[in-house]
Amino acid sequence: MKKIAVIGSLNMDLVAVTEVSPKMGETVFGKDFSMFPGGKGANQATAAGRLGAQVMMFGTVGDDDHGRSLLAELEKNHVDAVHVVERKDAPTGCALIESCRGQNRIIVIPGANSKTDKSYLEDKMEPILQADVILLSMEIPLASIEYAAETLSHHGKTVILNPAPAVPIPESLIDNTSYILPNEHEAAILFNMPEEEALRKYPNKLLITKGEHGVVYHDGEKPVHIPAAEVNPVDSTGAGDTFAGAFAAASAKGMVLKEAVQFAAAAAGLSVEKHGAQSGMPTDKELEAFRSRGKSNE
């Protein structure tokens, strides 16, 4: 199996559950508090690792308890985190999540993720080049993503971009990617054109995820729709990251595009049947059993 390098963010998610959202200057009592490992990069690496892929994580955390906890969680999920740097000059990134009656308000503090810069990537390029499949996401500096995509595409690597959170990106970055995996809202921001037109413009490259409505792409002749799996949804947090990590794992296993999308869609569907982003991600055995039951709509 080919190796995967995930270049992206590592965050600690701090979740406060409350029945009343405080007004400016107001203090209220909360109902519950939890901490979960997160960050799109770490989530996607975990998804691929749990599915049996050989995964290396590249990114930066603070020299603090949150950072050490995130690294331990990656190792537990079969992700090689030896190349993640612990910085003394920045704290581990975190997301402050207020959950009130099913609605969330989120503040993301990038922290050490901002140190995943060109200098870091230049220093780590030798081990990155040991991978055949590269997975990038947008919670690190855009300049870093552009540099990584350009360098690695020139080395003939399969470069997968999960453009979330979505910001307008240069055409050169699109040119340097093998696959782009936005959801339908992100695709609208990225391409500023009708979905059908964007799919035709980037055949076999642009894969748009649509939640319970599956995944669509264009094969160069016609649109292709991969239906979503039949599941009992509990928590959709992390479904997009599961899709990205599973798609990278499928690519590393040598699956053709349609098969890889089916594999990733099944993994993403299964992930929503459990609570939590990383904790809900299926293992390779769980996914194999799920697909064998015929629930993945393949």
C-alpha atoms as a PDB file:
ATOM      1  CA  MET A   1       0.000   0.000   0.000  1.00  0.00           C
ATOM      2  CA  LYS A   2       1.182   3.532  -0.779  1.00  0.00           C
ATOM      3  CA  LYS A   3       1.895   5.956   2.067  1.00  0.00           C
ATOM      4  CA  ILE A   4      -0.213   9.030   2.867  1.00  0.00           C
ATOM      5  CA  ALA A   5       1.086  12.365   4.158  1.00  0.00           C
ATOM      6  CA  VAL A   6      -1.502  14.637   5.763  1.00  0.00           C
ATOM      7  CA  ILE A   7      -0.451  18.291   6.007  1.00  0.00           C
ATOM      8  CA  GLY A   8      -2.882  20.257   8.133  1.00  0.00           C
ATOM      9  CA  SER A   9      -4.181  21.487  11.447  1.00  0.00           C
ATOM     10  CA  LEU A  10      -4.327  19.981  14.906  1.00  0.00           C
ATOM     11  CA  ASN A  11      -6.788  21.540  17.379  1.00  0.00           C
ATOM     12  CA  MET A  12      -8.268  20.788  20.744  1.00  0.00           C
ATOM     13  CA  ASP A  13     -12.039  21.296  20.645  1.00  0.00           C
ATOM     14  CA  LEU A  14     -13.404  22.789  23.887  1.00  0.00           C
ATOM     15  CA  VAL A  15     -17.177  22.353  24.009  1.00  0.00           C
ATOM     16  CA  ALA A  16     -19.430  24.162  26.491  1.00  0.00           C
ATOM     17  CA  VAL A  17     -23.070  23.060  26.524  1.00  0.00           C
ATOM     18  CA  THR A  18     -25.603  25.570  27.839  1.00  0.00           C
ATOM     19  CA  GLU A  19     -29.348  26.068  27.874  1.00  0.00           C
ATOM     20  CA  VAL A  20     -28.974  29.855  27.614  1.00  0.00           C
ATOM     21  CA  SER A  21     -26.530  31.706  25.375  1.00  0.00           C
ATOM     22  CA  PRO A  22     -24.992  34.630  27.309  1.00  0.00           C
ATOM     23  CA  LYS A  23     -25.500  38.178  26.140  1.00  0.00           C
ATOM     24  CA  MET A  24     -22.587  40.605  25.983  1.00  0.00           C
ATOM     25  CA  GLY A  25     -21.299  41.163  29.534  1.00  0.00           C
ATOM     26  CA  GLU A  26     -23.493  38.392  30.960  1.00  0.00           C
ATOM     27  CA  THR A  27     -22.395  35.244  32.809  1.00  0.00           C
ATOM     28  CA  VAL A  28     -24.547  32.110  32.708  1.00  0.00           C
ATOM     29  CA  PHE A  29     -24.208  28.603  34.109  1.00  0.00           C
ATOM     30  CA  GLY A  30     -23.330  25.868  31.645  1.00  0.00           C
ATOM     31  CA  LYS A  31     -24.731  22.354  31.541  1.00  0.00           C
ATOM     32  CA  ASP A  32     -21.657  20.367  30.472  1.00  0.00           C
ATOM     33  CA  PHE A  33     -18.062  20.714  29.267  1.00  0.00           C
ATOM     34  CA  SER A  34     -15.977  18.362  27.120  1.00  0.00           C
ATOM     35  CA  MET A  35     -12.661  18.321  25.288  1.00  0.00           C
ATOM     36  CA  PHE A  36     -12.203  16.445  22.015  1.00  0.00           C
ATOM     37  CA  PRO A  37      -9.211  16.051  19.678  1.00  0.00           C
ATOM     38  CA  GLY A  38      -9.821  17.899  16.423  1.00  0.00           C
ATOM     39  CA  GLY A  39      -8.443  20.007  13.626  1.00  0.00           C
ATOM     40  CA  LYS A  40      -9.176  19.076  10.027  1.00  0.00           C
ATOM     41  CA  GLY A  41      -5.704  17.695   9.422  1.00  0.00           C
ATOM     42  CA  ALA A  42      -5.715  15.488  12.507  1.00  0.00           C
ATOM     43  CA  ASN A  43      -9.287  14.358  11.819  1.00  0.00           C
ATOM     44  CA  GLN A  44      -8.464  13.333   8.262  1.00  0.00           C
ATOM     45  CA  ALA A  45      -5.268  11.564   9.296  1.00  0.00           C
ATOM     46  CA  THR A  46      -7.232   9.678  11.943  1.00  0.00           C
ATOM     47  CA  ALA A  47      -9.890   8.650   9.415  1.00  0.00           C
ATOM     48  CA  ALA A  48      -7.247   7.209   7.089  1.00  0.00           C
ATOM     49  CA  GLY A  49      -5.316   5.571   9.925  1.00  0.00           C
ATOM     50  CA  ARG A  50      -8.384   3.842  11.340  1.00  0.00           C
ATOM     51  CA  LEU A  51      -9.046   2.422   7.865  1.00  0.00           C
ATOM     52  CA  GLY A  52      -5.665   0.709   7.802  1.00  0.00           C
ATOM     53  CA  ALA A  53      -3.676   3.196   5.721  1.00  0.00           C
ATOM     54  CA  GLN A  54      -0.031   4.070   6.404  1.00  0.00           C
ATOM     55  CA  VAL A  55      -0.330   7.720   7.445  1.00  0.00           C
ATOM     56  CA  MET A  56       2.178  10.393   8.438  1.00  0.00           C
ATOM     57  CA  MET A  57       0.928  13.629  10.028  1.00  0.00           C
ATOM     58  CA  PHE A  58       2.679  16.948   9.364  1.00  0.00           C
ATOM     59  CA  GLY A  59       1.795  20.044  11.363  1.00  0.00           C
ATOM     60  CA  THR A  60       2.566  21.988  14.519  1.00  0.00           C
ATOM     61  CA  VAL A  61       1.250  22.062  18.077  1.00  0.00           C
ATOM     62  CA  GLY A  62       2.235  23.957  21.190  1.00  0.00           C
ATOM     63  CA  ASP A  63       4.579  22.575  23.823  1.00  0.00           C
ATOM     64  CA  ASP A  64       1.636  22.060  26.167  1.00  0.00           C
ATOM     65  CA  ASP A  65      -0.780  19.473  27.512  1.00  0.00           C
ATOM     66  CA  HIS A  66      -3.241  19.935  24.640  1.00  0.00           C
ATOM     67  CA  GLY A  67      -0.511  19.311  22.084  1.00  0.00           C
ATOM     68  CA  ARG A  68       0.772  16.205  23.830  1.00  0.00           C
ATOM     69  CA  SER A  69      -2.770  14.872  24.132  1.00  0.00           C
ATOM     70  CA  LEU A  70      -3.367  15.347  20.398  1.00  0.00           C
ATOM     71  CA  LEU A  71      -0.134  13.533  19.522  1.00  0.00           C
ATOM     72  CA  ALA A  72      -1.036  10.619  21.787  1.00  0.00           C
ATOM     73  CA  GLU A  73      -4.467  10.379  20.167  1.00  0.00           C
ATOM     74  CA  LEU A  74      -2.918  10.241  16.691  1.00  0.00           C
ATOM     75  CA  GLU A  75      -0.552   7.447  17.703  1.00  0.00           C
ATOM     76  CA  LYS A  76      -3.487   5.531  19.202  1.00  0.00           C
ATOM     77  CA  ASN A  77      -5.200   5.729  15.808  1.00  0.00           C
ATOM     78  CA  HIS A  78      -2.187   4.356  13.913  1.00  0.00           C
ATOM     79  CA  VAL A  79      -0.926   7.723  12.629  1.00  0.00           C
ATOM     80  CA  ASP A  80       2.823   8.412  12.603  1.00  0.00           C
ATOM     81  CA  ALA A  81       3.087  11.799  14.351  1.00  0.00           C
ATOM     82  CA  VAL A  82       6.876  11.926  14.707  1.00  0.00           C
ATOM     83  CA  HIS A  83       7.105  14.861  12.265  1.00  0.00           C
ATOM     84  CA  VAL A  84       4.648  17.069  14.160  1.00  0.00           C
ATOM     85  CA  VAL A  85       6.673  19.839  15.815  1.00  0.00           C
ATOM     86  CA  GLU A  86       5.957  21.093  19.344  1.00  0.00           C
ATOM     87  CA  ARG A  87       6.461  24.871  19.390  1.00  0.00           C
ATOM     88  CA  LYS A  88       7.370  26.843  22.502  1.00  0.00           C
ATOM     89  CA  ASP A  89       6.384  30.162  20.899  1.00  0.00           C
ATOM     90  CA  ALA A  90       2.691  29.372  20.275  1.00  0.00           C
ATOM     91  CA  PRO A  91      -0.065  27.401  22.027  1.00  0.00           C
ATOM     92  CA  THR A  92      -1.821  24.446  20.485  1.00  0.00           C
ATOM     93  CA  GLY A  93      -4.695  25.561  18.266  1.00  0.00           C
ATOM     94  CA  CYS A  94      -8.145  25.268  19.742  1.00  0.00           C
ATOM     95  CA  ALA A  95     -11.796  25.707  18.890  1.00  0.00           C
ATOM     96  CA  LEU A  96     -14.101  27.197  21.512  1.00  0.00           C
ATOM     97  CA  ILE A  97     -17.552  25.789  20.849  1.00  0.00           C
ATOM     98  CA  GLU A  98     -20.687  27.030  22.577  1.00  0.00           C
ATOM     99  CA  SER A  99     -23.520  24.566  22.071  1.00  0.00           C
ATOM    100  CA  CYS A 100     -26.950  25.921  22.984  1.00  0.00           C
ATOM    101  CA  ARG A 101     -30.109  23.929  22.215  1.00  0.00           C
ATOM    102  CA  GLY A 102     -28.546  22.244  19.198  1.00  0.00           C
ATOM    103  CA  GLN A 103     -27.051  25.442  17.761  1.00  0.00           C
ATOM    104  CA  ASN A 104     -23.302  26.097  17.801  1.00  0.00           C
ATOM    105  CA  ARG A 105     -21.185  29.233  17.959  1.00  0.00           C
ATOM    106  CA  ILE A 106     -17.496  28.603  17.337  1.00  0.00           C
ATOM    107  CA  ILE A 107     -14.318  30.617  17.781  1.00  0.00           C
ATOM    108  CA  VAL A 108     -11.177  29.057  16.282  1.00  0.00           C
ATOM    109  CA  ILE A 109      -7.769  30.146  17.561  1.00  0.00           C
ATOM    110  CA  PRO A 110      -5.138  28.866  15.079  1.00  0.00           C
ATOM    111  CA  GLY A 111      -2.277  29.067  17.578  1.00  0.00           C
ATOM    112  CA  ALA A 112       0.602  26.846  16.515  1.00  0.00           C
ATOM    113  CA  ASN A 113      -1.154  25.916  13.256  1.00  0.00           C
ATOM    114  CA  SER A 114       0.033  29.258  11.876  1.00  0.00           C
ATOM    115  CA  LYS A 115       3.589  27.926  12.265  1.00  0.00           C
ATOM    116  CA  THR A 116       2.963  25.229   9.647  1.00  0.00           C
ATOM    117  CA  ASP A 117       4.621  27.589   7.196  1.00  0.00           C
ATOM    118  CA  LYS A 118       6.879  27.269   4.161  1.00  0.00           C
ATOM    119  CA  SER A 119       9.959  27.025   6.379  1.00  0.00           C
ATOM    120  CA  TYR A 120       8.458  24.068   8.253  1.00  0.00           C
ATOM    121  CA  LEU A 121       7.499  22.339   5.001  1.00  0.00           C
ATOM    122  CA  GLU A 122      10.949  22.872   3.489  1.00  0.00           C
ATOM    123  CA  ASP A 123      12.457  21.289   6.594  1.00  0.00           C
ATOM    124  CA  LYS A 124      10.071  18.310   6.377  1.00  0.00           C
ATOM    125  CA  MET A 125      10.022  17.867   2.597  1.00  0.00           C
ATOM    126  CA  GLU A 126      12.268  14.789   2.592  1.00  0.00           C
ATOM    127  CA  PRO A 127       9.902  12.659   4.727  1.00  0.00           C
ATOM    128  CA  ILE A 128       6.857  14.157   2.985  1.00  0.00           C
ATOM    129  CA  LEU A 129       8.256  12.943  -0.333  1.00  0.00           C
ATOM    130  CA  GLN A 130       8.255   9.386   1.030  1.00  0.00           C
ATOM    131  CA  ALA A 131       4.468   9.467   0.635  1.00  0.00           C
ATOM    132  CA  ASP A 132       2.639   8.900  -2.642  1.00  0.00           C
ATOM    133  CA  VAL A 133      -0.683  10.486  -1.633  1.00  0.00           C
ATOM    134  CA  ILE A 134      -0.790  13.963  -0.072  1.00  0.00           C
ATOM    135  CA  LEU A 135      -3.880  15.319   1.719  1.00  0.00           C
ATOM    136  CA  LEU A 136      -4.147  19.087   2.310  1.00  0.00           C
ATOM    137  CA  SER A 137      -6.786  21.217   4.060  1.00  0.00           C
ATOM    138  CA  MET A 138      -7.259  24.918   4.713  1.00  0.00           C
ATOM    139  CA  GLU A 139      -6.696  25.494   8.455  1.00  0.00           C
ATOM    140  CA  ILE A 140      -3.011  26.277   7.880  1.00  0.00           C
ATOM    141  CA  PRO A 141      -1.602  29.275   5.939  1.00  0.00           C
ATOM    142  CA  LEU A 142      -2.728  29.356   2.297  1.00  0.00           C
ATOM    143  CA  ALA A 143       0.855  30.085   1.204  1.00  0.00           C
ATOM    144  CA  SER A 144       1.903  26.776   2.781  1.00  0.00           C
ATOM    145  CA  ILE A 145      -0.796  24.894   0.893  1.00  0.00           C
ATOM    146  CA  GLU A 146       0.189  26.515  -2.400  1.00  0.00           C
ATOM    147  CA  TYR A 147       3.867  25.686  -1.843  1.00  0.00           C
ATOM    148  CA  ALA A 148       3.125  22.087  -0.874  1.00  0.00           C
ATOM    149  CA  ALA A 149       0.778  21.480  -3.810  1.00  0.00           C
ATOM    150  CA  GLU A 150       3.176  22.967  -6.362  1.00  0.00           C
ATOM    151  CA  THR A 151       6.218  21.119  -5.030  1.00  0.00           C
ATOM    152  CA  LEU A 152       4.529  17.763  -4.607  1.00  0.00           C
ATOM    153  CA  SER A 153       2.629  17.812  -7.890  1.00  0.00           C
ATOM    154  CA  HIS A 154       5.937  18.432  -9.667  1.00  0.00           C
ATOM    155  CA  HIS A 155       7.228  15.277  -7.977  1.00  0.00           C
ATOM    156  CA  GLY A 156       4.322  13.311  -9.448  1.00  0.00           C
ATOM    157  CA  LYS A 157       2.426  12.857  -6.188  1.00  0.00           C
ATOM    158  CA  THR A 158      -1.339  12.472  -5.914  1.00  0.00           C
ATOM    159  CA  VAL A 159      -2.382  15.750  -4.264  1.00  0.00           C
ATOM    160  CA  ILE A 160      -5.832  15.876  -2.647  1.00  0.00           C
ATOM    161  CA  LEU A 161      -7.218  19.211  -1.446  1.00  0.00           C
ATOM    162  CA  ASN A 162     -10.078  19.448   1.029  1.00  0.00           C
ATOM    163  CA  PRO A 163     -10.812  23.204   0.719  1.00  0.00           C
ATOM    164  CA  ALA A 164     -12.418  23.749   4.095  1.00  0.00           C
ATOM    165  CA  PRO A 165     -12.956  26.263   5.508  1.00  0.00           C
ATOM    166  CA  ALA A 166     -13.560  27.647   2.027  1.00  0.00           C
ATOM    167  CA  VAL A 167     -11.810  30.771   0.783  1.00  0.00           C
ATOM    168  CA  PRO A 168     -11.226  31.825  -2.828  1.00  0.00           C
ATOM    169  CA  ILE A 169      -8.129  30.038  -4.108  1.00  0.00           C
ATOM    170  CA  PRO A 170      -5.899  30.764  -7.121  1.00  0.00           C
ATOM    171  CA  GLU A 171      -6.270  28.740 -10.314  1.00  0.00           C
ATOM    172  CA  SER A 172      -2.644  27.653  -9.948  1.00  0.00           C
ATOM    173  CA  LEU A 173      -3.531  25.758  -6.761  1.00  0.00           C
ATOM    174  CA  ILE A 174      -6.358  23.964  -8.543  1.00  0.00           C
ATOM    175  CA  ASP A 175      -3.962  23.086 -11.366  1.00  0.00           C
ATOM    176  CA  ASN A 176      -1.533  21.546  -8.865  1.00  0.00           C
ATOM    177  CA  THR A 177      -4.114  19.238  -7.290  1.00  0.00           C
ATOM    178  CA  SER A 178      -5.246  15.814  -8.441  1.00  0.00           C
ATOM    179  CA  TYR A 179      -8.587  15.953  -6.617  1.00  0.00           C
ATOM    180  CA  ILE A 180     -10.597  18.702  -4.881  1.00  0.00           C
ATOM    181  CA  LEU A 181     -13.185  17.660  -2.280  1.00  0.00           C
ATOM    182  CA  PRO A 182     -15.523  20.541  -1.306  1.00  0.00           C
ATOM    183  CA  ASN A 183     -19.060  20.255  -0.075  1.00  0.00           C
ATOM    184  CA  GLU A 184     -21.738  22.062  -2.097  1.00  0.00           C
ATOM    185  CA  HIS A 185     -21.492  25.276  -0.037  1.00  0.00           C
ATOM    186  CA  GLU A 186     -17.705  25.386  -0.304  1.00  0.00           C
ATOM    187  CA  ALA A 187     -17.889  24.714  -4.052  1.00  0.00           C
ATOM    188  CA  ALA A 188     -20.106  27.784  -4.508  1.00  0.00           C
ATOM    189  CA  ILE A 189     -17.506  29.966  -2.758  1.00  0.00           C
ATOM    190  CA  LEU A 190     -14.547  28.445  -4.582  1.00  0.00           C
ATOM    191  CA  PHE A 191     -15.803  28.511  -8.156  1.00  0.00           C
ATOM    192  CA  ASN A 192     -18.508  31.194  -8.319  1.00  0.00           C
ATOM    193  CA  MET A 193     -20.322  29.353 -11.110  1.00  0.00           C
ATOM    194  CA  PRO A 194     -23.195  26.867 -11.351  1.00  0.00           C
ATOM    195  CA  GLU A 195     -22.335  23.465  -9.928  1.00  0.00           C
ATOM    196  CA  GLU A 196     -22.858  21.666 -13.242  1.00  0.00           C
ATOM    197  CA  GLU A 197     -20.491  24.069 -15.001  1.00  0.00           C
ATOM    198  CA  ALA A 198     -17.788  23.618 -12.355  1.00  0.00           C
ATOM    199  CA  LEU A 199     -18.072  19.830 -12.570  1.00  0.00           C
ATOM    200  CA  ARG A 200     -17.692  19.934 -16.366  1.00  0.00           C
ATOM    201  CA  LYS A 201     -14.704  22.276 -16.079  1.00  0.00           C
ATOM    202  CA  TYR A 202     -12.846  19.908 -13.732  1.00  0.00           C
ATOM    203  CA  PRO A 203     -13.731  16.353 -14.830  1.00  0.00           C
ATOM    204  CA  ASN A 204     -12.437  13.517 -12.658  1.00  0.00           C
ATOM    205  CA  LYS A 205     -10.969  16.135 -10.308  1.00  0.00           C
ATOM    206  CA  LEU A 206     -13.803  18.003  -8.597  1.00  0.00           C
ATOM    207  CA  LEU A 207     -15.816  15.776  -6.241  1.00  0.00           C
ATOM    208  CA  ILE A 208     -18.661  17.624  -4.505  1.00  0.00           C
ATOM    209  CA  THR A 209     -20.049  16.058  -1.339  1.00  0.00           C
ATOM    210  CA  LYS A 210     -23.731  16.700  -0.638  1.00  0.00           C
ATOM    211  CA  GLY A 211     -24.382  15.066   2.724  1.00  0.00           C
ATOM    212  CA  GLU A 212     -27.390  12.749   2.635  1.00  0.00           C
ATOM    213  CA  HIS A 213     -27.593  13.309  -1.129  1.00  0.00           C
ATOM    214  CA  GLY A 214     -24.254  11.635  -1.817  1.00  0.00           C
ATOM    215  CA  VAL A 215     -21.373  12.752  -4.019  1.00  0.00           C
ATOM    216  CA  VAL A 216     -21.245  14.057  -7.587  1.00  0.00           C
ATOM    217  CA  TYR A 217     -18.433  14.422 -10.111  1.00  0.00           C
ATOM    218  CA  HIS A 218     -18.055  14.485 -13.904  1.00  0.00           C
ATOM    219  CA  ASP A 219     -16.233  11.661 -15.680  1.00  0.00           C
ATOM    220  CA  GLY A 220     -15.504  13.669 -18.839  1.00  0.00           C
ATOM    221  CA  GLU A 221     -18.633  12.459 -20.604  1.00  0.00           C
ATOM    222  CA  LYS A 222     -21.438  12.747 -18.059  1.00  0.00           C
ATOM    223  CA  PRO A 223     -22.161  13.585 -14.419  1.00  0.00           C
ATOM    224  CA  VAL A 224     -21.747  10.682 -11.989  1.00  0.00           C
ATOM    225  CA  HIS A 225     -23.805  10.476  -8.792  1.00  0.00           C
ATOM    226  CA  ILE A 226     -22.739   8.234  -5.924  1.00  0.00           C
ATOM    227  CA  PRO A 227     -25.648   7.866  -3.470  1.00  0.00           C
ATOM    228  CA  ALA A 228     -25.168   8.300   0.260  1.00  0.00           C
ATOM    229  CA  ALA A 229     -25.209   5.262   2.504  1.00  0.00           C
ATOM    230  CA  GLU A 230     -28.387   4.203   4.321  1.00  0.00           C
ATOM    231  CA  VAL A 231     -27.671   5.150   7.929  1.00  0.00           C
ATOM    232  CA  ASN A 232     -29.318   6.286  11.145  1.00  0.00           C
ATOM    233  CA  PRO A 233     -27.633   9.662  11.673  1.00  0.00           C
ATOM    234  CA  VAL A 234     -26.686  10.711  15.191  1.00  0.00           C
ATOM    235  CA  ASP A 235     -23.889  13.258  14.713  1.00  0.00           C
ATOM    236  CA  SER A 236     -22.620  14.547  11.359  1.00  0.00           C
ATOM    237  CA  THR A 237     -19.556  16.207  12.917  1.00  0.00           C
ATOM    238  CA  GLY A 238     -16.490  14.978  11.088  1.00  0.00           C
ATOM    239  CA  ALA A 239     -18.314  13.349   8.167  1.00  0.00           C
ATOM    240  CA  GLY A 240     -16.523  15.564   5.649  1.00  0.00           C
ATOM    241  CA  ASP A 241     -13.155  14.832   7.248  1.00  0.00           C
ATOM    242  CA  THR A 242     -13.973  11.126   7.239  1.00  0.00           C
ATOM    243  CA  PHE A 243     -14.752  11.317   3.519  1.00  0.00           C
ATOM    244  CA  ALA A 244     -11.444  13.067   2.792  1.00  0.00           C
ATOM    245  CA  GLY A 245      -9.370  10.663   4.879  1.00  0.00           C
ATOM    246  CA  ALA A 246     -11.157   7.622   3.476  1.00  0.00           C
ATOM    247  CA  PHE A 247     -10.742   8.882  -0.092  1.00  0.00           C
ATOM    248  CA  ALA A 248      -7.006   9.282   0.527  1.00  0.00           C
ATOM    249  CA  ALA A 249      -6.886   5.757   1.971  1.00  0.00           C
ATOM    250  CA  ALA A 250      -8.746   4.370  -1.046  1.00  0.00           C
ATOM    251  CA  SER A 251      -6.363   6.170  -3.404  1.00  0.00           C
ATOM    252  CA  ALA A 252      -3.391   4.729  -1.510  1.00  0.00           C
ATOM    253  CA  LYS A 253      -4.915   1.269  -1.893  1.00  0.00           C
ATOM    254  CA  GLY A 254      -5.012   1.759  -5.672  1.00  0.00           C
ATOM    255  CA  MET A 255      -8.774   2.007  -6.157  1.00  0.00           C
ATOM    256  CA  VAL A 256     -10.052   3.634  -9.350  1.00  0.00           C
ATOM    257  CA  LEU A 257     -11.973   6.902  -8.934  1.00  0.00           C
ATOM    258  CA  LYS A 258     -15.541   5.561  -8.769  1.00  0.00           C
ATOM    259  CA  GLU A 259     -14.551   2.791  -6.369  1.00  0.00           C
ATOM    260  CA  ALA A 260     -12.638   5.270  -4.191  1.00  0.00           C
ATOM    261  CA  VAL A 261     -15.638   7.618  -4.011  1.00  0.00           C
ATOM    262  CA  GLN A 262     -17.945   4.727  -3.084  1.00  0.00           C
ATOM    263  CA  PHE A 263     -15.509   3.636  -0.365  1.00  0.00           C
ATOM    264  CA  ALA A 264     -15.228   7.165   1.041  1.00  0.00           C
ATOM    265  CA  ALA A 265     -18.981   7.802   0.899  1.00  0.00           C
ATOM    266  CA  ALA A 266     -19.632   4.590   2.819  1.00  0.00           C
ATOM    267  CA  ALA A 267     -17.071   5.555   5.485  1.00  0.00           C
ATOM    268  CA  ALA A 268     -18.541   9.053   5.835  1.00  0.00           C
ATOM    269  CA  GLY A 269     -22.045   7.627   6.118  1.00  0.00           C
ATOM    270  CA  LEU A 270     -21.051   5.146   8.793  1.00  0.00           C
ATOM    271  CA  SER A 271     -19.277   7.883  10.779  1.00  0.00           C
ATOM    272  CA  VAL A 272     -22.519   9.769  11.456  1.00  0.00           C
ATOM    273  CA  GLU A 273     -23.992   6.842  13.400  1.00  0.00           C
ATOM    274  CA  LYS A 274     -21.746   7.673  16.394  1.00  0.00           C
ATOM    275  CA  HIS A 275     -21.115  10.812  18.446  1.00  0.00           C
ATOM    276  CA  GLY A 276     -17.907  12.800  17.999  1.00  0.00           C
ATOM    277  CA  ALA A 277     -15.698  13.587  15.019  1.00  0.00           C
ATOM    278  CA  GLN A 278     -12.744  11.233  15.514  1.00  0.00           C
ATOM    279  CA  SER A 279     -14.516   8.780  17.833  1.00  0.00           C
ATOM    280  CA  GLY A 280     -17.198   8.186  15.194  1.00  0.00           C
ATOM    281  CA  MET A 281     -14.763   7.327  12.413  1.00  0.00           C
ATOM    282  CA  PRO A 282     -15.005   3.662  11.378  1.00  0.00           C
ATOM    283  CA  THR A 283     -12.205   1.124  11.434  1.00  0.00           C
ATOM    284  CA  ASP A 284     -11.429  -0.927   8.346  1.00  0.00           C
ATOM    285  CA  LYS A 285     -13.226  -3.941   9.836  1.00  0.00           C
ATOM    286  CA  GLU A 286     -16.320  -1.901  10.711  1.00  0.00           C
ATOM    287  CA  LEU A 287     -16.475  -0.455   7.213  1.00  0.00           C
ATOM    288  CA  GLU A 288     -15.992  -3.849   5.579  1.00  0.00           C
ATOM    289  CA  ALA A 289     -18.859  -5.291   7.631  1.00  0.00           C
ATOM    290  CA  PHE A 290     -21.070  -2.293   6.831  1.00  0.00           C
ATOM    291  CA  ARG A 291     -20.453  -2.572   3.082  1.00  0.00           C
ATOM    292  CA  SER A 292     -21.035  -6.316   3.116  1.00  0.00           C
ATOM    293  CA  ARG A 293     -24.512  -5.715   4.574  1.00  0.00           C
ATOM    294  CA  GLY A 294     -25.429  -3.745   1.451  1.00  0.00           C
ATOM    295  CA  LYS A 295     -26.198  -0.506   3.302  1.00  0.00           C
ATOM    296  CA  SER A 296     -23.648   1.611   1.435  1.00  0.00           C
ATOM    297  CA  ASN A 297     -25.806   1.939  -1.724  1.00  0.00           C
ATOM    298  CA  GLU A 298     -23.000   0.812  -4.040  1.00  0.00           C
END
